Amino acid sequence: MAYDWGFEQQGQHYIHRSFVLLDDGIQINQPVLFPPEQQGWWYCDLVAVVQDSELLRVDDLWIDVIVGPPDHPYRLLDLNEYGRAMADGQVSPAAAADGLIRAQRFLDRRLNRRHEAERSRPDFPPAEVKAMLSVDLPRDWTLMES
């Protein structure tokens, strides 16, 4: 699933494209506001996709990964926020376990190298995403904010 959304910052209009890897429960995007030395890097979020009436909602579940070039290590973020959400009861034990399992599966399937000698990642970004990077999505889509 892919979607574009626009925003303005300091008078400049930006279009930002996100991809939801439904099998992984992960949303990935290349932030347009990353600093110049990180342009082309990827930001990945653990997400829950929830059907709410006619609306399909993508909820951020705290755990994030920043992915640079293949010779650069990825960076896992916000495990402390995930742990705090678990402790505060914002996420049930079953949902928390599911999130951790999905996060590890994403890392193993998409990012963890099979052998340290290799300088590439197993499947990142996925071929389906690479194919959609240049596709124009319909502009009549609307973004619902919660």
N, C-alpha and C. Protein backbone atom coordinates (compact mmCIF):
# COMPACT_ATOMS: atom_id res chain seq x y z
N MET A 1 0.85 -1.15 0.00
CA MET A 1 0.00 0.00 0.00
C MET A 1 0.91 1.23 0.00
N ALA A 2 0.60 2.20 -0.84
CA ALA A 2 1.38 3.44 -0.90
C ALA A 2 0.44 4.62 -0.80
N TYR A 3 0.93 5.69 -0.21
CA TYR A 3 0.15 6.93 -0.20
C TYR A 3 1.10 8.11 -0.15
N ASP A 4 0.65 9.21 -0.74
CA ASP A 4 1.37 10.47 -0.72
C ASP A 4 0.63 11.42 0.21
N TRP A 5 1.37 12.29 0.84
CA TRP A 5 0.75 13.35 1.61
C TRP A 5 1.63 14.59 1.50
N GLY A 6 1.01 15.73 1.51
CA GLY A 6 1.74 16.97 1.35
C GLY A 6 1.72 17.79 2.62
N PHE A 7 2.71 18.66 2.73
CA PHE A 7 2.77 19.59 3.85
C PHE A 7 3.63 20.77 3.46
N GLU A 8 3.50 21.83 4.21
CA GLU A 8 4.32 23.02 4.00
C GLU A 8 5.17 23.28 5.21
N GLN A 9 6.39 23.71 4.96
CA GLN A 9 7.27 24.13 6.04
C GLN A 9 8.08 25.31 5.53
N GLN A 10 8.02 26.39 6.27
CA GLN A 10 8.73 27.63 5.91
C GLN A 10 8.44 28.04 4.47
N GLY A 11 7.15 27.96 4.09
CA GLY A 11 6.72 28.40 2.77
C GLY A 11 7.03 27.44 1.63
N GLN A 12 7.67 26.33 1.91
CA GLN A 12 8.01 25.34 0.89
C GLN A 12 7.02 24.19 0.96
N HIS A 13 6.46 23.77 -0.19
CA HIS A 13 5.51 22.67 -0.24
C HIS A 13 6.27 21.38 -0.55
N TYR A 14 5.98 20.32 0.21
CA TYR A 14 6.63 19.03 0.04
C TYR A 14 5.58 17.95 -0.19
N ILE A 15 5.91 16.97 -1.00
CA ILE A 15 5.12 15.76 -1.16
C ILE A 15 5.96 14.62 -0.58
N HIS A 16 5.34 13.88 0.30
CA HIS A 16 6.03 12.80 1.00
C HIS A 16 5.29 11.50 0.69
N ARG A 17 6.00 10.50 0.25
CA ARG A 17 5.40 9.20 -0.10
C ARG A 17 5.79 8.16 0.93
N SER A 18 4.79 7.43 1.40
CA SER A 18 5.00 6.35 2.36
C SER A 18 4.47 5.05 1.77
N PHE A 19 5.11 3.96 2.17
CA PHE A 19 4.73 2.62 1.73
C PHE A 19 4.49 1.77 2.97
N VAL A 20 3.39 1.05 2.98
CA VAL A 20 3.10 0.15 4.08
C VAL A 20 3.32 -1.28 3.58
N LEU A 21 4.26 -1.96 4.20
CA LEU A 21 4.52 -3.36 3.88
C LEU A 21 3.56 -4.17 4.73
N LEU A 22 2.43 -4.51 4.15
CA LEU A 22 1.35 -5.13 4.92
C LEU A 22 1.76 -6.45 5.56
N ASP A 23 2.56 -7.26 4.86
CA ASP A 23 3.00 -8.54 5.42
C ASP A 23 3.93 -8.36 6.62
N ASP A 24 4.63 -7.22 6.66
CA ASP A 24 5.58 -6.96 7.75
C ASP A 24 4.98 -6.10 8.87
N GLY A 25 3.92 -5.36 8.55
CA GLY A 25 3.38 -4.41 9.52
C GLY A 25 4.34 -3.26 9.75
N ILE A 26 5.00 -2.85 8.66
CA ILE A 26 6.01 -1.78 8.71
C ILE A 26 5.68 -0.75 7.64
N GLN A 27 5.81 0.52 8.01
CA GLN A 27 5.67 1.62 7.04
C GLN A 27 7.07 2.16 6.77
N ILE A 28 7.41 2.37 5.49
CA ILE A 28 8.72 2.92 5.15
C ILE A 28 8.54 4.16 4.29
N ASN A 29 9.48 5.08 4.43
CA ASN A 29 9.48 6.29 3.61
C ASN A 29 10.87 6.89 3.60
N GLN A 30 11.08 7.78 2.65
CA GLN A 30 12.33 8.52 2.57
C GLN A 30 11.99 9.97 2.93
N PRO A 31 12.25 10.37 4.19
CA PRO A 31 11.84 11.70 4.62
C PRO A 31 12.44 12.81 3.77
N VAL A 32 11.57 13.69 3.30
CA VAL A 32 12.04 14.79 2.46
C VAL A 32 12.79 15.83 3.28
N LEU A 33 12.64 15.81 4.59
CA LEU A 33 13.32 16.78 5.44
C LEU A 33 14.54 16.23 6.16
N PHE A 34 15.00 15.03 5.78
CA PHE A 34 16.27 14.56 6.31
C PHE A 34 17.36 15.54 5.88
N PRO A 35 18.43 15.68 6.65
CA PRO A 35 19.53 16.56 6.23
C PRO A 35 20.14 16.08 4.91
N PRO A 36 20.78 16.98 4.17
CA PRO A 36 21.33 16.61 2.85
C PRO A 36 22.18 15.34 2.86
N GLU A 37 22.98 15.14 3.90
CA GLU A 37 23.85 13.96 3.94
C GLU A 37 23.06 12.67 4.17
N GLN A 38 21.77 12.77 4.49
CA GLN A 38 20.94 11.58 4.68
C GLN A 38 19.82 11.48 3.65
N GLN A 39 19.86 12.29 2.60
CA GLN A 39 18.85 12.17 1.55
C GLN A 39 18.95 10.80 0.92
N GLY A 40 17.80 10.18 0.69
CA GLY A 40 17.77 8.82 0.14
C GLY A 40 17.76 7.74 1.19
N TRP A 41 17.97 8.11 2.46
CA TRP A 41 17.88 7.13 3.54
C TRP A 41 16.41 6.84 3.79
N TRP A 42 16.13 5.78 4.51
CA TRP A 42 14.78 5.34 4.78
C TRP A 42 14.46 5.43 6.27
N TYR A 43 13.22 5.77 6.57
CA TYR A 43 12.70 5.77 7.94
C TYR A 43 11.59 4.73 7.98
N CYS A 44 11.68 3.80 8.90
CA CYS A 44 10.74 2.68 8.98
C CYS A 44 10.05 2.71 10.34
N ASP A 45 8.74 2.51 10.34
CA ASP A 45 7.95 2.51 11.57
C ASP A 45 7.21 1.19 11.71
N LEU A 46 7.23 0.63 12.90
CA LEU A 46 6.33 -0.47 13.21
C LEU A 46 4.93 0.13 13.27
N VAL A 47 3.97 -0.46 12.58
CA VAL A 47 2.61 0.10 12.53
C VAL A 47 1.56 -0.98 12.70
N ALA A 48 0.37 -0.51 13.04
CA ALA A 48 -0.83 -1.34 13.01
C ALA A 48 -1.74 -0.74 11.95
N VAL A 49 -2.26 -1.56 11.08
CA VAL A 49 -3.21 -1.11 10.06
C VAL A 49 -4.59 -1.51 10.56
N VAL A 50 -5.44 -0.50 10.75
CA VAL A 50 -6.75 -0.70 11.36
C VAL A 50 -7.83 -0.21 10.41
N GLN A 51 -8.81 -1.07 10.15
CA GLN A 51 -9.98 -0.65 9.36
C GLN A 51 -11.00 -0.09 10.34
N ASP A 52 -11.32 1.18 10.16
CA ASP A 52 -12.26 1.88 11.03
C ASP A 52 -13.38 2.42 10.15
N SER A 53 -14.46 1.64 10.03
CA SER A 53 -15.56 1.97 9.14
C SER A 53 -15.02 2.00 7.71
N GLU A 54 -15.13 3.11 7.02
CA GLU A 54 -14.62 3.20 5.64
C GLU A 54 -13.19 3.71 5.58
N LEU A 55 -12.60 4.01 6.72
CA LEU A 55 -11.27 4.58 6.81
C LEU A 55 -10.25 3.49 7.12
N LEU A 56 -9.14 3.49 6.40
CA LEU A 56 -8.03 2.60 6.71
C LEU A 56 -6.99 3.46 7.41
N ARG A 57 -6.72 3.15 8.67
CA ARG A 57 -5.84 3.97 9.49
C ARG A 57 -4.53 3.23 9.74
N VAL A 58 -3.42 3.96 9.68
CA VAL A 58 -2.10 3.40 9.97
C VAL A 58 -1.62 4.05 11.27
N ASP A 59 -1.54 3.25 12.33
CA ASP A 59 -1.13 3.74 13.65
C ASP A 59 0.34 3.42 13.89
N ASP A 60 1.11 4.42 14.27
CA ASP A 60 2.53 4.27 14.59
C ASP A 60 2.65 3.57 15.95
N LEU A 61 3.47 2.53 16.02
CA LEU A 61 3.64 1.76 17.25
C LEU A 61 5.03 1.93 17.86
N TRP A 62 5.58 3.10 17.81
CA TRP A 62 6.78 3.51 18.53
C TRP A 62 8.10 3.01 17.96
N ILE A 63 8.28 1.75 17.66
CA ILE A 63 9.59 1.24 17.24
C ILE A 63 9.91 1.73 15.83
N ASP A 64 11.09 2.33 15.67
CA ASP A 64 11.52 2.89 14.39
C ASP A 64 12.91 2.37 14.02
N VAL A 65 13.18 2.39 12.71
CA VAL A 65 14.49 2.00 12.20
C VAL A 65 14.89 3.02 11.13
N ILE A 66 16.11 3.54 11.22
CA ILE A 66 16.66 4.39 10.16
C ILE A 66 17.63 3.53 9.36
N VAL A 67 17.44 3.52 8.04
CA VAL A 67 18.24 2.68 7.16
C VAL A 67 18.97 3.57 6.16
N GLY A 68 20.30 3.55 6.24
CA GLY A 68 21.13 4.28 5.30
C GLY A 68 21.62 3.37 4.19
N PRO A 69 22.74 3.71 3.59
CA PRO A 69 23.31 2.87 2.53
C PRO A 69 23.71 1.49 3.08
N PRO A 70 23.83 0.50 2.19
CA PRO A 70 24.13 -0.87 2.64
C PRO A 70 25.41 -1.00 3.48
N ASP A 71 26.41 -0.12 3.27
CA ASP A 71 27.64 -0.24 4.06
C ASP A 71 27.55 0.52 5.39
N HIS A 72 26.37 1.04 5.71
CA HIS A 72 26.14 1.78 6.95
C HIS A 72 25.20 0.96 7.82
N PRO A 73 25.47 0.84 9.11
CA PRO A 73 24.55 0.05 9.95
C PRO A 73 23.20 0.76 10.10
N TYR A 74 22.13 -0.02 10.17
CA TYR A 74 20.83 0.59 10.44
C TYR A 74 20.79 0.96 11.92
N ARG A 75 19.85 1.85 12.26
CA ARG A 75 19.73 2.32 13.64
C ARG A 75 18.33 2.03 14.16
N LEU A 76 18.23 1.27 15.23
CA LEU A 76 16.97 0.92 15.85
C LEU A 76 16.66 1.97 16.92
N LEU A 77 15.44 2.52 16.89
CA LEU A 77 15.08 3.63 17.79
C LEU A 77 13.82 3.32 18.59
N ASP A 78 13.70 3.98 19.70
CA ASP A 78 12.47 4.11 20.48
C ASP A 78 11.99 2.84 21.16
N LEU A 79 12.90 1.90 21.43
CA LEU A 79 12.51 0.74 22.21
C LEU A 79 12.08 1.17 23.61
N ASN A 80 12.69 2.24 24.12
CA ASN A 80 12.29 2.76 25.43
C ASN A 80 10.85 3.25 25.42
N GLU A 81 10.42 3.90 24.35
CA GLU A 81 9.03 4.35 24.24
C GLU A 81 8.07 3.16 24.16
N TYR A 82 8.49 2.13 23.44
CA TYR A 82 7.67 0.92 23.34
C TYR A 82 7.52 0.28 24.72
N GLY A 83 8.63 0.18 25.45
CA GLY A 83 8.59 -0.38 26.79
C GLY A 83 7.72 0.45 27.72
N ARG A 84 7.80 1.78 27.61
CA ARG A 84 6.97 2.66 28.43
C ARG A 84 5.49 2.46 28.10
N ALA A 85 5.17 2.32 26.82
CA ALA A 85 3.78 2.10 26.40
C ALA A 85 3.26 0.77 26.95
N MET A 86 4.12 -0.24 26.97
CA MET A 86 3.75 -1.53 27.55
C MET A 86 3.49 -1.39 29.05
N ALA A 87 4.40 -0.73 29.74
CA ALA A 87 4.28 -0.56 31.19
C ALA A 87 3.07 0.27 31.57
N ASP A 88 2.73 1.27 30.75
CA ASP A 88 1.60 2.15 31.03
C ASP A 88 0.26 1.56 30.58
N GLY A 89 0.28 0.38 29.98
CA GLY A 89 -0.95 -0.27 29.54
C GLY A 89 -1.52 0.29 28.25
N GLN A 90 -0.71 1.05 27.48
CA GLN A 90 -1.18 1.57 26.20
C GLN A 90 -1.25 0.48 25.15
N VAL A 91 -0.56 -0.62 25.40
CA VAL A 91 -0.57 -1.75 24.49
C VAL A 91 -0.67 -3.02 25.34
N SER A 92 -1.52 -3.94 24.93
CA SER A 92 -1.72 -5.17 25.70
C SER A 92 -0.49 -6.06 25.59
N PRO A 93 -0.30 -6.98 26.53
CA PRO A 93 0.83 -7.91 26.42
C PRO A 93 0.84 -8.68 25.09
N ALA A 94 -0.32 -9.11 24.63
CA ALA A 94 -0.38 -9.86 23.36
C ALA A 94 0.01 -8.96 22.19
N ALA A 95 -0.48 -7.73 22.17
CA ALA A 95 -0.13 -6.80 21.08
C ALA A 95 1.35 -6.42 21.15
N ALA A 96 1.87 -6.27 22.37
CA ALA A 96 3.29 -5.94 22.53
C ALA A 96 4.17 -7.07 22.00
N ALA A 97 3.81 -8.31 22.33
CA ALA A 97 4.56 -9.47 21.83
C ALA A 97 4.50 -9.53 20.32
N ASP A 98 3.31 -9.30 19.76
CA ASP A 98 3.16 -9.31 18.30
C ASP A 98 4.05 -8.25 17.66
N GLY A 99 4.09 -7.05 18.23
CA GLY A 99 4.92 -5.98 17.69
C GLY A 99 6.40 -6.33 17.71
N LEU A 100 6.87 -6.91 18.80
CA LEU A 100 8.27 -7.32 18.88
C LEU A 100 8.60 -8.41 17.87
N ILE A 101 7.69 -9.37 17.72
CA ILE A 101 7.90 -10.44 16.73
C ILE A 101 7.96 -9.86 15.32
N ARG A 102 7.03 -8.94 15.00
CA ARG A 102 7.02 -8.34 13.65
C ARG A 102 8.26 -7.49 13.41
N ALA A 103 8.71 -6.75 14.43
CA ALA A 103 9.91 -5.93 14.28
C ALA A 103 11.13 -6.80 13.99
N GLN A 104 11.28 -7.89 14.75
CA GLN A 104 12.41 -8.79 14.53
C GLN A 104 12.33 -9.45 13.16
N ARG A 105 11.12 -9.86 12.75
CA ARG A 105 10.94 -10.49 11.43
C ARG A 105 11.33 -9.52 10.32
N PHE A 106 10.94 -8.23 10.46
CA PHE A 106 11.31 -7.22 9.47
C PHE A 106 12.83 -7.09 9.39
N LEU A 107 13.48 -6.98 10.54
CA LEU A 107 14.94 -6.85 10.54
C LEU A 107 15.60 -8.06 9.89
N ASP A 108 15.15 -9.25 10.25
CA ASP A 108 15.75 -10.46 9.70
C ASP A 108 15.47 -10.63 8.21
N ARG A 109 14.24 -10.33 7.80
CA ARG A 109 13.84 -10.53 6.41
C ARG A 109 14.42 -9.47 5.48
N ARG A 110 14.49 -8.24 5.96
CA ARG A 110 14.81 -7.12 5.07
C ARG A 110 16.20 -6.52 5.25
N LEU A 111 16.76 -6.57 6.47
CA LEU A 111 17.97 -5.79 6.74
C LEU A 111 19.18 -6.59 7.20
N ASN A 112 18.97 -7.60 8.03
CA ASN A 112 20.12 -8.32 8.57
C ASN A 112 20.82 -9.09 7.47
N ARG A 113 22.13 -8.86 7.39
CA ARG A 113 22.93 -9.53 6.37
C ARG A 113 23.07 -11.01 6.71
N ARG A 114 23.09 -11.80 5.67
CA ARG A 114 23.23 -13.24 5.89
C ARG A 114 24.68 -13.61 6.21
N HIS A 115 25.61 -12.84 5.66
CA HIS A 115 27.04 -13.06 5.92
C HIS A 115 27.67 -11.68 6.00
N GLU A 116 28.52 -11.47 6.95
CA GLU A 116 29.13 -10.15 7.12
C GLU A 116 29.94 -9.70 5.90
N ALA A 117 30.41 -10.64 5.09
CA ALA A 117 31.20 -10.26 3.92
C ALA A 117 30.35 -9.55 2.86
N GLU A 118 29.04 -9.80 2.86
CA GLU A 118 28.17 -9.15 1.87
C GLU A 118 27.95 -7.69 2.24
N ARG A 119 27.90 -6.83 1.23
CA ARG A 119 27.68 -5.40 1.46
C ARG A 119 26.29 -4.97 1.01
N SER A 120 25.39 -5.92 0.88
CA SER A 120 24.03 -5.59 0.48
C SER A 120 23.07 -6.15 1.51
N ARG A 121 21.85 -5.68 1.42
CA ARG A 121 20.82 -6.17 2.34
C ARG A 121 19.96 -7.18 1.59
N PRO A 122 19.37 -8.13 2.30
CA PRO A 122 18.60 -9.18 1.64
C PRO A 122 17.48 -8.66 0.74
N ASP A 123 16.68 -7.70 1.21
CA ASP A 123 15.53 -7.25 0.42
C ASP A 123 15.09 -5.87 0.89
N PHE A 124 15.97 -4.87 0.71
CA PHE A 124 15.60 -3.53 1.14
C PHE A 124 16.18 -2.49 0.21
N PRO A 125 15.38 -1.52 -0.24
CA PRO A 125 13.93 -1.57 -0.14
C PRO A 125 13.39 -2.71 -1.00
N PRO A 126 12.22 -3.23 -0.63
CA PRO A 126 11.65 -4.33 -1.41
C PRO A 126 11.45 -3.95 -2.87
N ALA A 127 11.55 -4.92 -3.74
CA ALA A 127 11.42 -4.68 -5.19
C ALA A 127 10.10 -3.99 -5.52
N GLU A 128 9.02 -4.36 -4.81
CA GLU A 128 7.71 -3.74 -5.07
C GLU A 128 7.74 -2.25 -4.78
N VAL A 129 8.48 -1.85 -3.77
CA VAL A 129 8.59 -0.42 -3.43
C VAL A 129 9.44 0.29 -4.46
N LYS A 130 10.56 -0.31 -4.84
CA LYS A 130 11.42 0.30 -5.87
C LYS A 130 10.60 0.59 -7.13
N ALA A 131 9.73 -0.34 -7.50
CA ALA A 131 8.93 -0.17 -8.71
C ALA A 131 7.93 0.97 -8.58
N MET A 132 7.51 1.27 -7.35
CA MET A 132 6.49 2.31 -7.15
C MET A 132 7.07 3.70 -6.88
N LEU A 133 8.37 3.81 -6.72
CA LEU A 133 8.97 5.10 -6.38
C LEU A 133 8.69 6.18 -7.42
N SER A 134 8.55 5.80 -8.67
CA SER A 134 8.35 6.80 -9.72
C SER A 134 6.91 6.84 -10.23
N VAL A 135 6.00 6.06 -9.66
CA VAL A 135 4.60 6.03 -10.09
C VAL A 135 3.86 7.23 -9.52
N ASP A 136 3.09 7.90 -10.36
CA ASP A 136 2.25 9.00 -9.88
C ASP A 136 0.98 8.43 -9.28
N LEU A 137 0.73 8.74 -8.03
CA LEU A 137 -0.49 8.30 -7.36
C LEU A 137 -1.58 9.35 -7.57
N PRO A 138 -2.85 8.96 -7.54
CA PRO A 138 -3.93 9.92 -7.75
C PRO A 138 -3.87 11.06 -6.75
N ARG A 139 -4.06 12.28 -7.22
CA ARG A 139 -4.00 13.46 -6.35
C ARG A 139 -5.32 13.77 -5.68
N ASP A 140 -6.38 13.02 -6.01
CA ASP A 140 -7.68 13.29 -5.39
C ASP A 140 -7.85 12.50 -4.09
N TRP A 141 -6.80 11.77 -3.66
CA TRP A 141 -6.86 11.08 -2.40
C TRP A 141 -6.84 12.12 -1.30
N THR A 142 -7.48 11.83 -0.21
CA THR A 142 -7.46 12.76 0.92
C THR A 142 -6.81 12.10 2.11
N LEU A 143 -6.15 12.87 2.91
CA LEU A 143 -5.53 12.39 4.12
C LEU A 143 -6.40 12.82 5.29
N MET A 144 -6.81 11.85 6.08
CA MET A 144 -7.63 12.13 7.25
C MET A 144 -6.68 12.24 8.44
N GLU A 145 -6.78 13.29 9.20
CA GLU A 145 -5.96 13.44 10.38
C GLU A 145 -6.78 13.13 11.61
N SER A 146 -6.17 12.44 12.58
CA SER A 146 -6.92 12.11 13.79
C SER A 146 -6.73 13.18 14.83
